[in-house]
Amino acid sequence: MQKPANPPDLPSTPARAVIGLLLMLVATTSLSQFFRASTNVIAPELIRDLSLTPEMLGFANACFFLALLAVQIPVGILFDRIGARLTVGILAVLAIAGTLLHAVVETGSGLAAARFLLGLGHGGSFMASIFLVSRWYPRQRWTTVLSWVWAGSMLGIAAAGTPLAIAATYLGWRQSFLVLTVVSILVALLFVAIVRDSPPGASAAPREPERLVAALGGFLAILRLPGLGRVLALQSVAYAVLTTMLGLWAGTYLHDVHGFTAIERGHALIAMAMGQVLGLLVIGPLDRLLDTRKWVAVGGATATLAVLTVLAIWPALPSHFAVALLVLLAAVSAYGPVVVSHARTFYPEALAGRGLSTANMAQLLGCGLMPIVTGLIPGLFPAGPNGYAVDAYRWIFAAIAASLLLGLLGYLRSRDVPPSQGTQVAGTHDRAATRSGKQNN
């Protein structure tokens, strides 16, 4: 079978096509980010209007990530068979339905169902960015370009801050989600119209007929790749820390412990998003500059662990320090693209979709479990004057920190794959996966 060529570098690809691709990747990942974080600013209003318990709030928030996890296997197969463009377009129908349902829910179970649909609908958004960037760019630039896209996706986090708070205050959160339904429809149509799975002029890898058993066997080939599990140990918790803080606890913490209003929480969320953008733009190129992926990720994880430890020890610190620490947390936890690029070097082009799905499932398992586990903590303490108790947040932050520490300890045993060696290592894994694939067939 003809081996696909390395993706062309940026100068050989028409600027119009590159700009269109990047804009649509930013648009679709921004929407996904918005819905991940949308419960944060309006959480007190959701608790009031839907009579939510802390366990139900944590479960409903986790449903988004559990749905992302559930859809990864079919999405990985579809990416390899029909490409990212059509897969994302098909899933968008579910995202639109979930947005509409979110606007009309009356109960906690309805909210959970809406967020599950939203998770299914956005199940290919971030995978598409990794899949397409690895098709359009050479290996040495993956982390940098992913950092651009994910920095742009912080527009969604920013929109889930003050803009959503203002809209919820003056329009109501239900009407706000009706507007978002229209936005979701427009983004889906533009994505299908503009995005292409390969750069102009590039020859697509031939897609041979594949039985379902062989397609599923591709996942076993990925799991047998030596050393991948150690990288996934950190990937399973790295992003979960950020999404659990941004999407669930940062807003309620600022409301319950520091008495922030919805708009003040929105300002803090925007500041966290800007911290993440700055972190992505600074950390993104470091793997190429320092020629190491592992130690850039270890540095980011260690700094994140330090911030969480301070919050756990001193949750009732002055408000301006609390916000500063949350912003710093968002900035130093921007090492995610480095870990993703590290994992991407392990699986071959022919199994790129399924490799991405496997890594994403590890990541999403953490994103789904962390809100559920931390959602059990507030019920263990008497309520405070504004909401959950200060000690509840102490143990929430401690539990998140402990999860990150365990992932980091596993990752420390991994073998570094510097950008300068990416092609050589990938070639070795290509041959191993090819042999495994033949056995499965």
Protein backbone atom coordinates (compact mmCIF):
# COMPACT_ATOMS: atom_id res chain seq x y z
CA MET A 1 0.00 0.00 0.00
CA GLN A 2 1.28 3.47 -0.84
CA LYS A 3 2.60 5.27 2.21
CA PRO A 4 1.16 8.79 2.62
CA ALA A 5 3.65 11.60 2.41
CA ASN A 6 4.44 13.85 5.35
CA PRO A 7 2.05 16.82 5.54
CA PRO A 8 3.38 19.84 3.66
CA ASP A 9 4.86 22.76 5.53
CA LEU A 10 2.93 26.00 5.80
CA PRO A 11 4.65 27.94 2.94
CA SER A 12 3.72 25.27 0.36
CA THR A 13 0.02 25.47 1.22
CA PRO A 14 -2.17 28.33 -0.10
CA ALA A 15 -2.70 30.95 2.61
CA ARG A 16 -6.45 31.09 1.96
CA ALA A 17 -6.85 27.35 2.62
CA VAL A 18 -4.73 27.50 5.79
CA ILE A 19 -6.62 30.49 7.16
CA GLY A 20 -9.97 28.86 6.41
CA LEU A 21 -8.90 25.65 8.13
CA LEU A 22 -7.57 27.39 11.24
CA LEU A 23 -10.58 29.70 11.57
CA MET A 24 -13.02 26.80 11.41
CA LEU A 25 -10.98 24.73 13.87
CA VAL A 26 -11.02 27.70 16.25
CA ALA A 27 -14.77 28.16 15.72
CA THR A 28 -15.73 24.55 16.40
CA THR A 29 -13.35 24.12 19.37
CA SER A 30 -14.55 27.47 20.79
CA LEU A 31 -18.13 26.19 20.78
CA SER A 32 -17.00 23.01 22.51
CA GLN A 33 -15.10 25.03 25.10
CA PHE A 34 -18.11 27.28 25.68
CA PHE A 35 -20.41 24.40 26.48
CA ARG A 36 -17.81 22.75 28.72
CA ALA A 37 -17.58 25.92 30.83
CA SER A 38 -21.14 27.25 30.48
CA THR A 39 -22.39 25.77 33.76
CA ASN A 40 -19.72 27.62 35.75
CA VAL A 41 -21.02 31.20 35.63
CA ILE A 42 -24.70 30.25 35.73
CA ALA A 43 -24.31 27.38 38.24
CA PRO A 44 -26.00 29.23 41.14
CA GLU A 45 -28.93 30.10 38.84
CA LEU A 46 -29.17 26.50 37.62
CA ILE A 47 -29.10 25.26 41.23
CA ARG A 48 -31.95 27.67 42.07
CA ASP A 49 -34.15 27.20 38.97
CA LEU A 50 -33.75 23.42 38.66
CA SER A 51 -33.46 22.62 42.40
CA LEU A 52 -30.11 20.89 41.90
CA THR A 53 -28.18 19.09 44.62
CA PRO A 54 -24.36 19.31 44.47
CA GLU A 55 -24.26 15.66 43.37
CA MET A 56 -26.68 16.37 40.51
CA LEU A 57 -24.74 19.46 39.43
CA GLY A 58 -21.50 17.48 39.35
CA PHE A 59 -23.19 14.60 37.50
CA ALA A 60 -24.82 16.88 34.92
CA ASN A 61 -21.50 18.60 34.25
CA ALA A 62 -19.76 15.22 33.97
CA CYS A 63 -22.34 14.01 31.44
CA PHE A 64 -20.76 16.23 28.80
CA PHE A 65 -17.45 14.41 29.22
CA LEU A 66 -19.00 10.97 29.64
CA ALA A 67 -20.72 11.51 26.27
CA LEU A 68 -17.43 12.59 24.72
CA LEU A 69 -15.93 9.37 26.07
CA ALA A 70 -18.79 7.20 24.79
CA VAL A 71 -18.51 8.49 21.23
CA GLN A 72 -14.74 8.19 20.81
CA ILE A 73 -14.61 4.68 19.32
CA PRO A 74 -17.12 5.39 16.50
CA VAL A 75 -15.57 8.81 15.92
CA GLY A 76 -12.08 7.31 15.62
CA ILE A 77 -13.30 4.76 13.06
CA LEU A 78 -15.23 7.44 11.13
CA PHE A 79 -12.20 9.73 11.04
CA ASP A 80 -10.16 6.95 9.44
CA ARG A 81 -12.96 5.98 7.01
CA ILE A 82 -14.78 9.21 5.97
CA GLY A 83 -12.54 11.93 7.42
CA ALA A 84 -12.95 14.66 10.02
CA ARG A 85 -15.03 17.07 7.89
CA LEU A 86 -18.07 14.84 7.43
CA THR A 87 -17.81 13.30 10.90
CA VAL A 88 -17.90 16.70 12.61
CA GLY A 89 -20.79 17.76 10.36
CA ILE A 90 -22.86 14.70 11.25
CA LEU A 91 -22.23 15.07 14.99
CA ALA A 92 -23.23 18.74 14.84
CA VAL A 93 -26.88 17.65 14.52
CA LEU A 94 -26.69 16.19 18.04
CA ALA A 95 -24.94 19.32 19.34
CA ILE A 96 -27.72 21.53 17.99
CA ALA A 97 -30.37 19.29 19.58
CA GLY A 98 -28.54 19.42 22.93
CA THR A 99 -28.30 23.22 22.82
CA LEU A 100 -32.01 23.53 22.17
CA LEU A 101 -32.86 21.06 24.94
CA HIS A 102 -30.63 23.01 27.36
CA ALA A 103 -32.84 26.06 26.81
CA VAL A 104 -36.04 24.29 27.90
CA VAL A 105 -34.98 21.88 30.68
CA GLU A 106 -37.00 21.86 33.90
CA THR A 107 -35.18 19.23 36.01
CA GLY A 108 -31.69 18.06 36.87
CA SER A 109 -32.16 14.92 34.78
CA GLY A 110 -33.15 17.09 31.82
CA LEU A 111 -29.99 19.15 32.27
CA ALA A 112 -27.92 15.94 32.35
CA ALA A 113 -29.59 14.74 29.14
CA ALA A 114 -28.96 18.08 27.41
CA ARG A 115 -25.31 18.06 28.38
CA PHE A 116 -24.96 14.44 27.26
CA LEU A 117 -26.30 15.39 23.82
CA LEU A 118 -23.93 18.37 23.72
CA GLY A 119 -21.03 16.06 24.56
CA LEU A 120 -21.97 13.64 21.78
CA GLY A 121 -22.29 16.52 19.33
CA HIS A 122 -18.87 17.95 20.16
CA GLY A 123 -17.22 14.54 20.38
CA GLY A 124 -15.07 15.21 17.32
CA SER A 125 -14.21 18.89 17.77
CA PHE A 126 -10.81 18.70 19.45
CA MET A 127 -9.96 15.40 17.80
CA ALA A 128 -10.54 17.09 14.46
CA SER A 129 -8.00 19.77 15.31
CA ILE A 130 -5.33 17.15 16.14
CA PHE A 131 -6.27 14.98 13.15
CA LEU A 132 -6.24 17.85 10.64
CA VAL A 133 -3.16 19.62 12.01
CA SER A 134 -1.25 16.33 11.75
CA ARG A 135 -2.41 16.08 8.11
CA TRP A 136 -1.65 19.69 7.14
CA TYR A 137 1.62 20.27 9.06
CA PRO A 138 4.93 18.42 9.61
CA ARG A 139 5.53 16.70 12.94
CA GLN A 140 7.90 19.36 14.24
CA ARG A 141 5.15 22.00 14.14
CA TRP A 142 2.25 20.04 15.63
CA THR A 143 2.50 21.42 19.17
CA THR A 144 2.94 25.01 17.99
CA VAL A 145 -0.05 24.94 15.62
CA LEU A 146 -2.23 23.09 18.13
CA SER A 147 -1.33 25.80 20.64
CA TRP A 148 -2.58 28.43 18.16
CA VAL A 149 -5.88 26.59 17.68
CA TRP A 150 -6.40 25.89 21.37
CA ALA A 151 -5.46 29.44 22.30
CA GLY A 152 -8.13 30.60 19.85
CA SER A 153 -10.59 28.15 21.40
CA MET A 154 -10.34 30.14 24.62
CA LEU A 155 -12.75 32.55 22.93
CA GLY A 156 -15.35 29.99 23.95
CA ILE A 157 -14.24 30.10 27.58
CA ALA A 158 -14.26 33.90 27.47
CA ALA A 159 -17.77 33.92 25.99
CA ALA A 160 -18.89 31.58 28.79
CA GLY A 161 -17.72 34.24 31.26
CA THR A 162 -18.92 37.85 31.34
CA PRO A 163 -20.87 37.71 28.02
CA LEU A 164 -22.93 34.73 29.22
CA ALA A 165 -23.35 36.30 32.65
CA ILE A 166 -24.66 39.53 31.09
CA ALA A 167 -26.91 37.62 28.69
CA ALA A 168 -28.25 35.47 31.52
CA THR A 169 -28.86 38.56 33.64
CA TYR A 170 -30.78 40.52 31.00
CA LEU A 171 -32.17 37.81 28.69
CA GLY A 172 -32.20 34.80 30.97
CA TRP A 173 -30.02 31.72 30.59
CA ARG A 174 -32.76 29.90 28.64
CA GLN A 175 -33.01 32.60 25.95
CA SER A 176 -29.22 32.71 25.79
CA PHE A 177 -29.14 29.05 24.81
CA LEU A 178 -31.75 29.64 22.11
CA VAL A 179 -29.37 32.17 20.54
CA LEU A 180 -26.56 29.63 20.83
CA THR A 181 -28.65 27.12 18.88
CA VAL A 182 -28.55 29.45 15.88
CA VAL A 183 -24.80 29.99 16.31
CA SER A 184 -24.25 26.22 16.41
CA ILE A 185 -26.15 25.76 13.13
CA LEU A 186 -24.06 28.44 11.37
CA VAL A 187 -20.73 27.02 12.57
CA ALA A 188 -21.69 23.48 11.47
CA LEU A 189 -22.66 24.61 7.97
CA LEU A 190 -19.47 26.65 7.54
CA PHE A 191 -17.26 23.82 8.81
CA VAL A 192 -18.61 21.38 6.22
CA ALA A 193 -18.39 23.99 3.45
CA ILE A 194 -14.83 25.19 4.15
CA VAL A 195 -12.76 22.43 5.79
CA ARG A 196 -10.96 19.75 3.78
CA ASP A 197 -9.30 16.63 5.21
CA SER A 198 -6.05 17.15 3.27
CA PRO A 199 -4.18 20.22 1.98
CA PRO A 200 -4.83 21.26 -1.63
CA GLY A 201 -2.76 19.14 -3.99
CA ALA A 202 -1.92 16.48 -1.41
CA SER A 203 -2.68 12.90 -2.37
CA ALA A 204 -4.97 11.29 0.18
CA ALA A 205 -3.94 7.93 1.60
CA PRO A 206 -5.95 5.13 -0.02
CA ARG A 207 -8.69 3.76 2.21
CA GLU A 208 -9.00 0.02 1.75
CA PRO A 209 -12.21 -1.81 2.67
CA GLU A 210 -12.12 -2.84 6.33
CA ARG A 211 -14.41 -5.14 8.25
CA LEU A 212 -15.75 -4.02 11.63
CA VAL A 213 -13.66 -6.61 13.49
CA ALA A 214 -10.50 -5.33 11.79
CA ALA A 215 -11.52 -1.72 12.49
CA LEU A 216 -11.93 -2.49 16.19
CA GLY A 217 -8.67 -4.44 16.09
CA GLY A 218 -6.95 -1.17 15.25
CA PHE A 219 -7.67 -0.04 18.80
CA LEU A 220 -5.93 -3.13 20.17
CA ALA A 221 -2.93 -2.33 17.98
CA ILE A 222 -2.82 1.15 19.50
CA LEU A 223 -3.04 -0.18 23.07
CA ARG A 224 -0.13 -2.56 22.40
CA LEU A 225 2.23 0.27 21.42
CA PRO A 226 5.06 0.21 24.00
CA GLY A 227 5.26 3.20 26.33
CA LEU A 228 2.00 4.88 25.28
CA GLY A 229 0.25 4.09 28.58
CA ARG A 230 2.76 6.12 30.57
CA VAL A 231 2.05 9.19 28.47
CA LEU A 232 -1.70 8.62 28.78
CA ALA A 233 -1.33 8.54 32.59
CA LEU A 234 -0.76 12.30 32.53
CA GLN A 235 -3.11 13.00 29.63
CA SER A 236 -5.95 11.39 31.59
CA VAL A 237 -5.73 14.04 34.33
CA ALA A 238 -3.96 17.09 32.81
CA TYR A 239 -6.96 18.44 30.91
CA ALA A 240 -9.40 17.16 33.53
CA VAL A 241 -7.86 19.54 36.09
CA LEU A 242 -8.48 22.56 33.87
CA THR A 243 -11.99 21.59 32.76
CA THR A 244 -13.11 20.69 36.28
CA MET A 245 -11.91 24.04 37.59
CA LEU A 246 -13.09 26.13 34.63
CA GLY A 247 -16.27 24.22 33.99
CA LEU A 248 -17.49 23.55 37.51
CA TRP A 249 -15.70 24.76 40.64
CA ALA A 250 -14.01 28.10 39.95
CA GLY A 251 -17.30 29.99 39.62
CA THR A 252 -19.05 28.33 42.55
CA TYR A 253 -15.91 28.76 44.71
CA LEU A 254 -15.81 32.50 43.99
CA HIS A 255 -19.54 32.77 44.72
CA ASP A 256 -19.66 30.66 47.89
CA VAL A 257 -16.36 31.65 49.52
CA HIS A 258 -15.80 35.17 48.16
CA GLY A 259 -19.37 36.34 47.43
CA PHE A 260 -18.83 37.14 43.72
CA THR A 261 -21.86 38.09 41.63
CA ALA A 262 -22.54 36.45 38.26
CA ILE A 263 -20.85 39.26 36.35
CA GLU A 264 -17.85 39.26 38.71
CA ARG A 265 -17.56 35.49 38.20
CA GLY A 266 -17.71 36.12 34.48
CA HIS A 267 -14.82 38.59 34.70
CA ALA A 268 -12.78 36.01 36.62
CA LEU A 269 -13.56 33.33 34.05
CA ILE A 270 -12.43 35.62 31.22
CA ALA A 271 -9.21 36.33 33.14
CA MET A 272 -8.65 32.57 33.45
CA ALA A 273 -9.26 32.17 29.71
CA MET A 274 -6.74 34.89 28.95
CA GLY A 275 -4.27 33.20 31.29
CA GLN A 276 -4.75 29.98 29.36
CA VAL A 277 -4.21 31.79 26.03
CA LEU A 278 -0.97 33.32 27.28
CA GLY A 279 0.16 29.97 28.65
CA LEU A 280 -0.59 28.21 25.35
CA LEU A 281 1.29 30.78 23.31
CA VAL A 282 4.31 30.67 25.63
CA ILE A 283 4.42 26.91 26.32
CA GLY A 284 3.42 25.82 22.78
CA PRO A 285 6.78 26.48 21.05
CA LEU A 286 8.92 25.34 24.01
CA ASP A 287 9.12 21.70 22.92
CA ARG A 288 10.81 22.77 19.66
CA LEU A 289 13.01 25.39 21.33
CA LEU A 290 14.17 23.01 24.09
CA ASP A 291 13.83 19.85 21.96
CA THR A 292 11.92 17.97 24.65
CA ARG A 293 8.25 17.20 25.07
CA LYS A 294 8.42 15.27 28.32
CA TRP A 295 10.16 17.87 30.46
CA VAL A 296 8.05 20.77 29.20
CA ALA A 297 4.97 18.77 30.27
CA VAL A 298 6.55 17.83 33.61
CA GLY A 299 7.29 21.50 34.32
CA GLY A 300 3.71 22.55 33.53
CA ALA A 301 2.21 19.75 35.62
CA THR A 302 4.47 20.53 38.58
CA ALA A 303 3.54 24.23 38.50
CA THR A 304 -0.17 23.33 38.30
CA LEU A 305 0.21 21.00 41.26
CA ALA A 306 1.85 23.80 43.26
CA VAL A 307 -1.06 26.21 42.62
CA LEU A 308 -3.66 23.58 43.58
CA THR A 309 -1.75 22.86 46.78
CA VAL A 310 -1.85 26.55 47.79
CA LEU A 311 -5.61 26.70 47.11
CA ALA A 312 -6.15 23.53 49.15
CA ILE A 313 -4.15 24.84 52.11
CA TRP A 314 -5.62 28.35 52.05
CA PRO A 315 -9.02 28.42 50.25
CA ALA A 316 -10.27 31.49 52.17
CA LEU A 317 -7.38 33.72 51.09
CA PRO A 318 -8.19 37.33 50.03
CA SER A 319 -10.34 37.53 46.90
CA HIS A 320 -7.75 39.19 44.66
CA PHE A 321 -5.21 36.50 45.55
CA ALA A 322 -7.79 33.79 44.86
CA VAL A 323 -8.48 35.16 41.38
CA ALA A 324 -4.75 35.56 40.71
CA LEU A 325 -4.14 31.92 41.64
CA LEU A 326 -6.99 30.73 39.40
CA VAL A 327 -5.55 32.72 36.49
CA LEU A 328 -2.08 31.33 37.20
CA LEU A 329 -3.57 27.82 37.32
CA ALA A 330 -5.08 28.32 33.87
CA ALA A 331 -1.76 29.62 32.50
CA VAL A 332 0.57 26.92 33.82
CA SER A 333 -1.86 24.09 32.94
CA ALA A 334 -1.53 25.00 29.23
CA TYR A 335 0.92 22.14 28.66
CA GLY A 336 -1.87 19.92 27.27
CA PRO A 337 -0.84 20.24 23.58
CA VAL A 338 2.66 19.05 24.50
CA VAL A 339 1.27 15.85 26.04
CA VAL A 340 -1.08 15.37 23.06
CA SER A 341 1.81 15.76 20.61
CA HIS A 342 3.89 13.34 22.69
CA ALA A 343 1.11 10.74 22.48
CA ARG A 344 0.56 11.43 18.74
CA THR A 345 4.13 10.34 17.95
CA PHE A 346 3.26 6.81 19.07
CA TYR A 347 0.60 5.89 16.52
CA PRO A 348 0.89 5.65 12.73
CA GLU A 349 -0.94 7.58 10.02
CA ALA A 350 -3.08 4.60 8.99
CA LEU A 351 -4.50 4.41 12.53
CA ALA A 352 -4.43 8.14 13.27
CA GLY A 353 -8.16 8.40 14.01
CA ARG A 354 -8.18 5.40 16.32
CA GLY A 355 -4.98 6.51 18.00
CA LEU A 356 -6.51 9.90 18.70
CA SER A 357 -9.65 8.20 20.01
CA THR A 358 -7.67 6.01 22.39
CA ALA A 359 -5.74 8.96 23.80
CA ASN A 360 -8.88 11.06 23.95
CA MET A 361 -10.75 8.33 25.83
CA ALA A 362 -8.07 8.36 28.51
CA GLN A 363 -8.36 12.14 28.72
CA LEU A 364 -12.14 12.16 28.80
CA LEU A 365 -12.32 9.43 31.40
CA GLY A 366 -10.55 11.82 33.74
CA CYS A 367 -12.78 14.71 32.66
CA GLY A 368 -15.86 12.62 33.40
CA LEU A 369 -14.78 11.13 36.72
CA MET A 370 -13.19 14.19 38.32
CA PRO A 371 -16.42 16.28 38.48
CA ILE A 372 -18.36 13.27 39.79
CA VAL A 373 -15.84 12.50 42.53
CA THR A 374 -15.42 16.13 43.59
CA GLY A 375 -19.20 16.62 43.42
CA LEU A 376 -19.53 14.17 46.33
CA ILE A 377 -17.36 16.31 48.62
CA PRO A 378 -19.63 19.32 49.45
CA GLY A 379 -22.29 17.06 50.94
CA LEU A 380 -19.82 15.95 53.60
CA PHE A 381 -19.72 19.42 55.18
CA PRO A 382 -22.37 21.77 56.63
CA ALA A 383 -23.34 24.54 54.21
CA GLY A 384 -21.67 27.95 54.50
CA PRO A 385 -23.45 31.34 54.53
CA ASN A 386 -23.38 31.71 50.71
CA GLY A 387 -23.38 28.06 49.62
CA TYR A 388 -20.90 25.22 50.04
CA ALA A 389 -18.50 25.33 53.00
CA VAL A 390 -14.93 26.61 52.80
CA ASP A 391 -13.63 23.21 53.98
CA ALA A 392 -15.50 21.57 51.11
CA TYR A 393 -13.44 23.57 48.63
CA ARG A 394 -10.27 22.75 50.58
CA TRP A 395 -10.88 19.05 49.95
CA ILE A 396 -12.08 19.58 46.39
CA PHE A 397 -8.78 21.26 45.50
CA ALA A 398 -6.83 18.60 47.42
CA ALA A 399 -8.60 15.79 45.54
CA ILE A 400 -7.86 17.42 42.18
CA ALA A 401 -4.20 17.88 43.19
CA ALA A 402 -3.91 14.23 44.26
CA SER A 403 -5.26 13.06 40.90
CA LEU A 404 -2.72 15.18 39.04
CA LEU A 405 0.12 13.90 41.23
CA LEU A 406 -0.75 10.27 40.42
CA GLY A 407 -0.82 11.01 36.69
CA LEU A 408 2.48 12.86 36.88
CA LEU A 409 4.18 9.98 38.70
CA GLY A 410 3.15 7.62 35.90
CA TYR A 411 4.29 10.05 33.21
CA LEU A 412 7.74 10.47 34.79
CA ARG A 413 8.46 6.86 33.73
CA SER A 414 7.76 7.63 30.06
CA ARG A 415 10.43 7.95 27.36
CA ASP A 416 10.88 11.40 25.88
CA VAL A 417 10.22 11.81 22.13
CA PRO A 418 11.82 15.14 21.20
CA PRO A 419 10.46 16.94 18.12
CA SER A 420 13.80 16.38 16.36
CA GLN A 421 13.28 12.59 16.67
CA GLY A 422 9.54 12.51 15.95
CA THR A 423 9.78 11.08 12.45
CA GLN A 424 12.23 8.31 13.43
CA VAL A 425 10.16 7.14 16.39
CA ALA A 426 6.95 7.28 14.41
CA GLY A 427 8.52 5.12 11.73
CA THR A 428 9.28 2.44 14.32
CA HIS A 429 5.69 2.56 15.60
CA ASP A 430 4.36 2.51 12.03
CA ARG A 431 6.11 -0.83 11.44
CA ALA A 432 4.93 -2.24 14.78
CA ALA A 433 1.33 -1.22 14.16
CA THR A 434 1.45 -2.56 10.61
CA ARG A 435 2.55 -5.98 11.88
CA SER A 436 -0.18 -5.88 14.55
CA GLY A 437 -2.78 -4.84 11.99
CA LYS A 438 -1.87 -7.79 9.76
CA GLN A 439 -2.32 -10.14 12.70
CA ASN A 440 -5.76 -8.65 13.44
CA ASN A 441 -6.81 -9.14 9.84
